[in-house]
Structures are given as structure tokens and as C-alpha cells.
Amino acid sequence: MSIFIDTIKTRAVGIVATVTMLGTVVGGVLAVESRYAKAADIDDVKSQQVQIYSNMKIQQELAVDSLRRQSLEDRLFELRLKEKPTQVEKALIERYQDQLRELSIREDTNKRMLRNIQ
């Protein structure tokens, strides 16, 4: 009977040792695995960075267009104050009005793009 008990003890110790070793190895593998970024995580970060860059670029274009609009409107105001504008001044008024229309179209497009990004 003691041989039977010794065999059970030996096998029990072997089983416990194997389970402990497997637990340690699996835990180590999981710890090392979690240290490194996964491809999906990198893609998410990349996507966020592209979105932030696109958003900033559009906002910058809108700010530049706003400054340009103010400048054109100021010039138009000065030219329209003249009682009898010359032909050159009339041409400038028309040119500035065309540029303002183009700016409006570009601003509308950029605002739509900005809404689509967010």
C-alpha cells in the first residue's frame, strides 16, 4: 500500500509542478505580449493622427481665408467710397468681388470637409 501512496504523491507533485510551470510560462508570455503595440492599436493611432492633421490643415486654411476676406472687404470699402472711380478702380472692384466669391466657395467646401472629419 505504501508503494501505491508513494506513487500517488509522486504523480501529484509532478502534476502540481507541471501546472505551476505552465502557469508561470503562460503568465510570462502574456506579460511580454502586452508590452508591445498591436497592429490594430497602431492603425488606430495613425488614423487619429491623420484626422487631427487634416482638421488642423482645414482650420488653418479657414483662418487664412478669413484674413484674406477681411483684406479684400477693406479694399472694396475704400474703392467704393470714391465718388468717381477710375476705370482701373472699377476693374479692381470687380476683381475683388470675384475673389470674394471664390473665397466663399472655398470656405464652404472647407467647412463641409471639416464637418465630415469630425
N, C-alpha and C. Protein backbone atom coordinates (compact mmCIF):
# COMPACT_ATOMS: atom_id res chain seq x y z
N MET A 1 0.81 -1.18 0.00
CA MET A 1 0.00 0.00 0.00
C MET A 1 0.86 1.25 0.00
N SER A 2 1.98 1.21 0.68
CA SER A 2 2.81 2.40 0.74
C SER A 2 3.41 2.72 -0.63
N ILE A 3 3.64 1.72 -1.45
CA ILE A 3 4.13 1.97 -2.81
C ILE A 3 3.06 2.72 -3.59
N PHE A 4 1.81 2.32 -3.39
CA PHE A 4 0.70 2.98 -4.06
C PHE A 4 0.60 4.44 -3.61
N ILE A 5 0.72 4.72 -2.34
CA ILE A 5 0.65 6.08 -1.81
C ILE A 5 1.85 6.90 -2.29
N ASP A 6 3.04 6.28 -2.31
CA ASP A 6 4.23 6.99 -2.80
C ASP A 6 4.07 7.34 -4.28
N THR A 7 3.48 6.45 -5.05
CA THR A 7 3.26 6.70 -6.47
C THR A 7 2.28 7.86 -6.66
N ILE A 8 1.22 7.88 -5.87
CA ILE A 8 0.23 8.96 -5.96
C ILE A 8 0.87 10.28 -5.56
N LYS A 9 1.67 10.28 -4.50
CA LYS A 9 2.34 11.50 -4.06
C LYS A 9 3.28 12.01 -5.14
N THR A 10 4.03 11.11 -5.74
CA THR A 10 4.98 11.48 -6.78
C THR A 10 4.25 12.08 -7.98
N ARG A 11 3.18 11.43 -8.37
CA ARG A 11 2.41 11.94 -9.51
C ARG A 11 1.74 13.27 -9.16
N ALA A 12 1.24 13.41 -7.94
CA ALA A 12 0.60 14.65 -7.52
C ALA A 12 1.61 15.78 -7.53
N VAL A 13 2.81 15.51 -7.05
CA VAL A 13 3.86 16.53 -7.07
C VAL A 13 4.21 16.88 -8.51
N GLY A 14 4.29 15.90 -9.37
CA GLY A 14 4.59 16.14 -10.79
C GLY A 14 3.50 16.97 -11.46
N ILE A 15 2.24 16.65 -11.13
CA ILE A 15 1.11 17.39 -11.72
C ILE A 15 1.11 18.84 -11.23
N VAL A 16 1.32 19.02 -9.94
CA VAL A 16 1.36 20.37 -9.38
C VAL A 16 2.53 21.15 -9.98
N ALA A 17 3.68 20.50 -10.11
CA ALA A 17 4.85 21.17 -10.69
C ALA A 17 4.58 21.55 -12.15
N THR A 18 3.93 20.68 -12.89
CA THR A 18 3.62 20.97 -14.31
C THR A 18 2.63 22.12 -14.41
N VAL A 19 1.60 22.12 -13.59
CA VAL A 19 0.61 23.20 -13.61
C VAL A 19 1.26 24.52 -13.23
N THR A 20 2.12 24.50 -12.21
CA THR A 20 2.82 25.71 -11.78
C THR A 20 3.73 26.24 -12.90
N MET A 21 4.45 25.31 -13.53
CA MET A 21 5.34 25.71 -14.61
C MET A 21 4.55 26.28 -15.79
N LEU A 22 3.44 25.64 -16.16
CA LEU A 22 2.61 26.14 -17.25
C LEU A 22 2.03 27.51 -16.90
N GLY A 23 1.57 27.70 -15.68
CA GLY A 23 1.05 28.99 -15.25
C GLY A 23 2.10 30.09 -15.34
N THR A 24 3.32 29.76 -14.94
CA THR A 24 4.41 30.73 -15.00
C THR A 24 4.74 31.08 -16.45
N VAL A 25 4.83 30.08 -17.30
CA VAL A 25 5.16 30.31 -18.71
C VAL A 25 4.06 31.12 -19.39
N VAL A 26 2.81 30.74 -19.19
CA VAL A 26 1.70 31.47 -19.80
C VAL A 26 1.66 32.90 -19.29
N GLY A 27 1.85 33.09 -17.99
CA GLY A 27 1.88 34.44 -17.42
C GLY A 27 3.01 35.27 -18.00
N GLY A 28 4.17 34.69 -18.17
CA GLY A 28 5.30 35.39 -18.78
C GLY A 28 5.04 35.76 -20.22
N VAL A 29 4.47 34.85 -20.97
CA VAL A 29 4.14 35.13 -22.38
C VAL A 29 3.13 36.26 -22.48
N LEU A 30 2.11 36.24 -21.63
CA LEU A 30 1.11 37.30 -21.65
C LEU A 30 1.71 38.64 -21.25
N ALA A 31 2.62 38.62 -20.28
CA ALA A 31 3.26 39.87 -19.86
C ALA A 31 4.10 40.46 -20.99
N VAL A 32 4.87 39.61 -21.66
CA VAL A 32 5.69 40.09 -22.78
C VAL A 32 4.80 40.53 -23.93
N GLU A 33 3.74 39.81 -24.20
CA GLU A 33 2.81 40.14 -25.29
C GLU A 33 2.18 41.50 -25.08
N SER A 34 1.82 41.81 -23.84
CA SER A 34 1.13 43.08 -23.58
C SER A 34 2.06 44.28 -23.65
N ARG A 35 3.36 44.06 -23.64
CA ARG A 35 4.31 45.17 -23.71
C ARG A 35 4.37 45.79 -25.10
N TYR A 36 4.11 45.05 -26.11
CA TYR A 36 4.27 45.51 -27.48
C TYR A 36 2.93 45.95 -28.07
N ALA A 37 3.02 47.00 -28.88
CA ALA A 37 1.80 47.51 -29.53
C ALA A 37 1.33 46.51 -30.59
N LYS A 38 0.05 46.42 -30.69
CA LYS A 38 -0.53 45.53 -31.70
C LYS A 38 -0.80 46.35 -32.97
N ALA A 39 -0.89 45.66 -34.08
CA ALA A 39 -1.11 46.33 -35.37
C ALA A 39 -2.40 47.15 -35.35
N ALA A 40 -3.43 46.63 -34.73
CA ALA A 40 -4.71 47.36 -34.68
C ALA A 40 -4.56 48.65 -33.87
N ASP A 41 -3.79 48.58 -32.78
CA ASP A 41 -3.56 49.78 -31.97
C ASP A 41 -2.80 50.84 -32.76
N ILE A 42 -1.80 50.39 -33.50
CA ILE A 42 -1.01 51.33 -34.31
C ILE A 42 -1.88 51.95 -35.39
N ASP A 43 -2.73 51.16 -36.02
CA ASP A 43 -3.63 51.69 -37.05
C ASP A 43 -4.60 52.71 -36.47
N ASP A 44 -5.09 52.45 -35.25
CA ASP A 44 -5.99 53.41 -34.60
C ASP A 44 -5.29 54.74 -34.32
N VAL A 45 -4.07 54.66 -33.81
CA VAL A 45 -3.30 55.88 -33.52
C VAL A 45 -3.00 56.62 -34.82
N LYS A 46 -2.62 55.88 -35.84
CA LYS A 46 -2.32 56.50 -37.13
C LYS A 46 -3.56 57.20 -37.69
N SER A 47 -4.69 56.54 -37.60
CA SER A 47 -5.94 57.12 -38.08
C SER A 47 -6.29 58.40 -37.31
N GLN A 48 -6.10 58.38 -35.99
CA GLN A 48 -6.36 59.57 -35.18
C GLN A 48 -5.44 60.71 -35.57
N GLN A 49 -4.16 60.40 -35.81
CA GLN A 49 -3.20 61.44 -36.18
C GLN A 49 -3.53 62.05 -37.54
N VAL A 50 -3.94 61.22 -38.48
CA VAL A 50 -4.33 61.73 -39.80
C VAL A 50 -5.55 62.64 -39.67
N GLN A 51 -6.50 62.24 -38.84
CA GLN A 51 -7.69 63.06 -38.63
C GLN A 51 -7.34 64.39 -37.98
N ILE A 52 -6.46 64.38 -36.98
CA ILE A 52 -6.05 65.61 -36.32
C ILE A 52 -5.32 66.52 -37.29
N TYR A 53 -4.41 65.95 -38.09
CA TYR A 53 -3.66 66.75 -39.07
C TYR A 53 -4.61 67.36 -40.10
N SER A 54 -5.54 66.58 -40.61
CA SER A 54 -6.49 67.09 -41.60
C SER A 54 -7.34 68.21 -41.01
N ASN A 55 -7.78 68.02 -39.78
CA ASN A 55 -8.58 69.02 -39.10
C ASN A 55 -7.79 70.33 -38.94
N MET A 56 -6.55 70.21 -38.50
CA MET A 56 -5.71 71.41 -38.32
C MET A 56 -5.46 72.12 -39.64
N LYS A 57 -5.22 71.35 -40.69
CA LYS A 57 -4.95 71.93 -42.01
C LYS A 57 -6.15 72.72 -42.51
N ILE A 58 -7.33 72.16 -42.36
CA ILE A 58 -8.55 72.84 -42.82
C ILE A 58 -8.80 74.09 -41.98
N GLN A 59 -8.60 73.98 -40.67
CA GLN A 59 -8.79 75.15 -39.81
C GLN A 59 -7.81 76.26 -40.17
N GLN A 60 -6.60 75.88 -40.51
CA GLN A 60 -5.60 76.88 -40.91
C GLN A 60 -6.02 77.55 -42.23
N GLU A 61 -6.50 76.76 -43.17
CA GLU A 61 -6.96 77.33 -44.44
C GLU A 61 -8.13 78.28 -44.21
N LEU A 62 -9.04 77.91 -43.30
CA LEU A 62 -10.17 78.78 -42.99
C LEU A 62 -9.70 80.09 -42.37
N ALA A 63 -8.70 80.03 -41.51
CA ALA A 63 -8.17 81.24 -40.88
C ALA A 63 -7.51 82.15 -41.90
N VAL A 64 -6.74 81.58 -42.81
CA VAL A 64 -6.08 82.36 -43.87
C VAL A 64 -7.13 82.99 -44.78
N ASP A 65 -8.15 82.21 -45.13
CA ASP A 65 -9.23 82.74 -45.98
C ASP A 65 -9.97 83.87 -45.28
N SER A 66 -10.16 83.76 -43.99
CA SER A 66 -10.83 84.81 -43.24
C SER A 66 -10.03 86.11 -43.27
N LEU A 67 -8.72 86.00 -43.10
CA LEU A 67 -7.86 87.19 -43.18
C LEU A 67 -7.90 87.80 -44.58
N ARG A 68 -7.87 86.94 -45.57
CA ARG A 68 -7.93 87.42 -46.96
C ARG A 68 -9.26 88.12 -47.22
N ARG A 69 -10.34 87.54 -46.72
CA ARG A 69 -11.67 88.14 -46.88
C ARG A 69 -11.70 89.55 -46.27
N GLN A 70 -11.17 89.68 -45.06
CA GLN A 70 -11.16 90.98 -44.40
C GLN A 70 -10.36 92.00 -45.20
N SER A 71 -9.23 91.57 -45.73
CA SER A 71 -8.39 92.46 -46.52
C SER A 71 -9.12 92.92 -47.79
N LEU A 72 -9.75 91.97 -48.48
CA LEU A 72 -10.48 92.32 -49.71
C LEU A 72 -11.66 93.24 -49.41
N GLU A 73 -12.38 92.95 -48.34
CA GLU A 73 -13.52 93.79 -47.98
C GLU A 73 -13.07 95.21 -47.63
N ASP A 74 -11.92 95.33 -46.96
CA ASP A 74 -11.39 96.67 -46.64
C ASP A 74 -11.03 97.43 -47.92
N ARG A 75 -10.39 96.74 -48.85
CA ARG A 75 -10.03 97.40 -50.12
C ARG A 75 -11.27 97.82 -50.90
N LEU A 76 -12.25 96.93 -50.93
CA LEU A 76 -13.51 97.26 -51.62
C LEU A 76 -14.18 98.48 -50.98
N PHE A 77 -14.17 98.52 -49.67
CA PHE A 77 -14.77 99.64 -48.95
C PHE A 77 -14.09 100.95 -49.35
N GLU A 78 -12.77 100.95 -49.40
CA GLU A 78 -12.02 102.15 -49.78
C GLU A 78 -12.35 102.57 -51.21
N LEU A 79 -12.38 101.60 -52.11
CA LEU A 79 -12.65 101.92 -53.52
C LEU A 79 -14.08 102.42 -53.72
N ARG A 80 -15.01 101.89 -52.99
CA ARG A 80 -16.41 102.30 -53.14
C ARG A 80 -16.70 103.68 -52.53
N LEU A 81 -15.82 104.13 -51.69
CA LEU A 81 -16.01 105.47 -51.09
C LEU A 81 -15.75 106.60 -52.10
N LYS A 82 -15.01 106.29 -53.14
CA LYS A 82 -14.68 107.31 -54.14
C LYS A 82 -15.93 107.66 -54.94
N GLU A 83 -16.11 108.95 -55.16
CA GLU A 83 -17.29 109.40 -55.91
C GLU A 83 -17.23 108.96 -57.36
N LYS A 84 -16.09 109.16 -57.99
CA LYS A 84 -15.94 108.79 -59.40
C LYS A 84 -14.72 107.89 -59.54
N PRO A 85 -14.92 106.58 -59.40
CA PRO A 85 -13.78 105.68 -59.54
C PRO A 85 -13.28 105.65 -60.99
N THR A 86 -11.98 105.50 -61.14
CA THR A 86 -11.39 105.39 -62.48
C THR A 86 -11.68 104.00 -63.04
N GLN A 87 -11.32 103.81 -64.29
CA GLN A 87 -11.52 102.50 -64.92
C GLN A 87 -10.71 101.42 -64.18
N VAL A 88 -9.51 101.78 -63.77
CA VAL A 88 -8.67 100.82 -63.04
C VAL A 88 -9.33 100.46 -61.71
N GLU A 89 -9.86 101.45 -61.03
CA GLU A 89 -10.51 101.20 -59.75
C GLU A 89 -11.78 100.36 -59.93
N LYS A 90 -12.53 100.61 -61.02
CA LYS A 90 -13.70 99.78 -61.30
C LYS A 90 -13.29 98.33 -61.56
N ALA A 91 -12.19 98.18 -62.30
CA ALA A 91 -11.69 96.83 -62.58
C ALA A 91 -11.25 96.14 -61.28
N LEU A 92 -10.62 96.91 -60.39
CA LEU A 92 -10.21 96.34 -59.10
C LEU A 92 -11.42 95.93 -58.26
N ILE A 93 -12.46 96.75 -58.28
CA ILE A 93 -13.68 96.41 -57.54
C ILE A 93 -14.24 95.09 -58.06
N GLU A 94 -14.31 94.94 -59.36
CA GLU A 94 -14.84 93.70 -59.95
C GLU A 94 -13.95 92.51 -59.60
N ARG A 95 -12.64 92.73 -59.67
CA ARG A 95 -11.69 91.65 -59.35
C ARG A 95 -11.82 91.23 -57.89
N TYR A 96 -11.91 92.18 -56.99
CA TYR A 96 -12.03 91.85 -55.57
C TYR A 96 -13.36 91.13 -55.28
N GLN A 97 -14.42 91.54 -55.97
CA GLN A 97 -15.71 90.85 -55.79
C GLN A 97 -15.62 89.40 -56.27
N ASP A 98 -14.93 89.19 -57.41
CA ASP A 98 -14.73 87.81 -57.90
C ASP A 98 -13.94 86.98 -56.88
N GLN A 99 -12.90 87.58 -56.33
CA GLN A 99 -12.08 86.86 -55.35
C GLN A 99 -12.89 86.54 -54.09
N LEU A 100 -13.77 87.45 -53.70
CA LEU A 100 -14.62 87.18 -52.54
C LEU A 100 -15.57 86.02 -52.81
N ARG A 101 -16.11 85.96 -54.02
CA ARG A 101 -16.99 84.84 -54.37
C ARG A 101 -16.21 83.51 -54.34
N GLU A 102 -15.00 83.52 -54.88
CA GLU A 102 -14.18 82.31 -54.86
C GLU A 102 -13.84 81.90 -53.42
N LEU A 103 -13.55 82.89 -52.59
CA LEU A 103 -13.27 82.61 -51.18
C LEU A 103 -14.48 81.97 -50.49
N SER A 104 -15.66 82.47 -50.79
CA SER A 104 -16.88 81.92 -50.20
C SER A 104 -17.06 80.45 -50.57
N ILE A 105 -16.81 80.15 -51.82
CA ILE A 105 -16.94 78.76 -52.28
C ILE A 105 -15.92 77.88 -51.57
N ARG A 106 -14.67 78.34 -51.49
CA ARG A 106 -13.62 77.57 -50.83
C ARG A 106 -13.92 77.40 -49.33
N GLU A 107 -14.41 78.47 -48.70
CA GLU A 107 -14.75 78.37 -47.27
C GLU A 107 -15.88 77.37 -47.04
N ASP A 108 -16.89 77.40 -47.88
CA ASP A 108 -18.00 76.45 -47.75
C ASP A 108 -17.50 75.01 -47.90
N THR A 109 -16.63 74.80 -48.89
CA THR A 109 -16.07 73.47 -49.11
C THR A 109 -15.28 73.01 -47.90
N ASN A 110 -14.42 73.90 -47.38
CA ASN A 110 -13.60 73.54 -46.22
C ASN A 110 -14.46 73.28 -44.98
N LYS A 111 -15.52 74.04 -44.80
CA LYS A 111 -16.40 73.82 -43.66
C LYS A 111 -17.11 72.47 -43.75
N ARG A 112 -17.52 72.10 -44.97
CA ARG A 112 -18.14 70.78 -45.17
C ARG A 112 -17.14 69.66 -44.87
N MET A 113 -15.92 69.84 -45.36
CA MET A 113 -14.88 68.83 -45.11
C MET A 113 -14.60 68.71 -43.63
N LEU A 114 -14.58 69.83 -42.94
CA LEU A 114 -14.32 69.83 -41.50
C LEU A 114 -15.43 69.08 -40.75
N ARG A 115 -16.66 69.28 -41.16
CA ARG A 115 -17.78 68.56 -40.53
C ARG A 115 -17.67 67.06 -40.79
N ASN A 116 -17.21 66.68 -41.99
CA ASN A 116 -17.09 65.26 -42.33
C ASN A 116 -15.97 64.59 -41.54
N ILE A 117 -14.93 65.34 -41.23
CA ILE A 117 -13.81 64.77 -40.48
C ILE A 117 -14.21 64.53 -39.03
N GLN A 118 -14.98 65.45 -38.48
CA GLN A 118 -15.33 65.33 -37.05
C GLN A 118 -16.46 64.41 -36.86
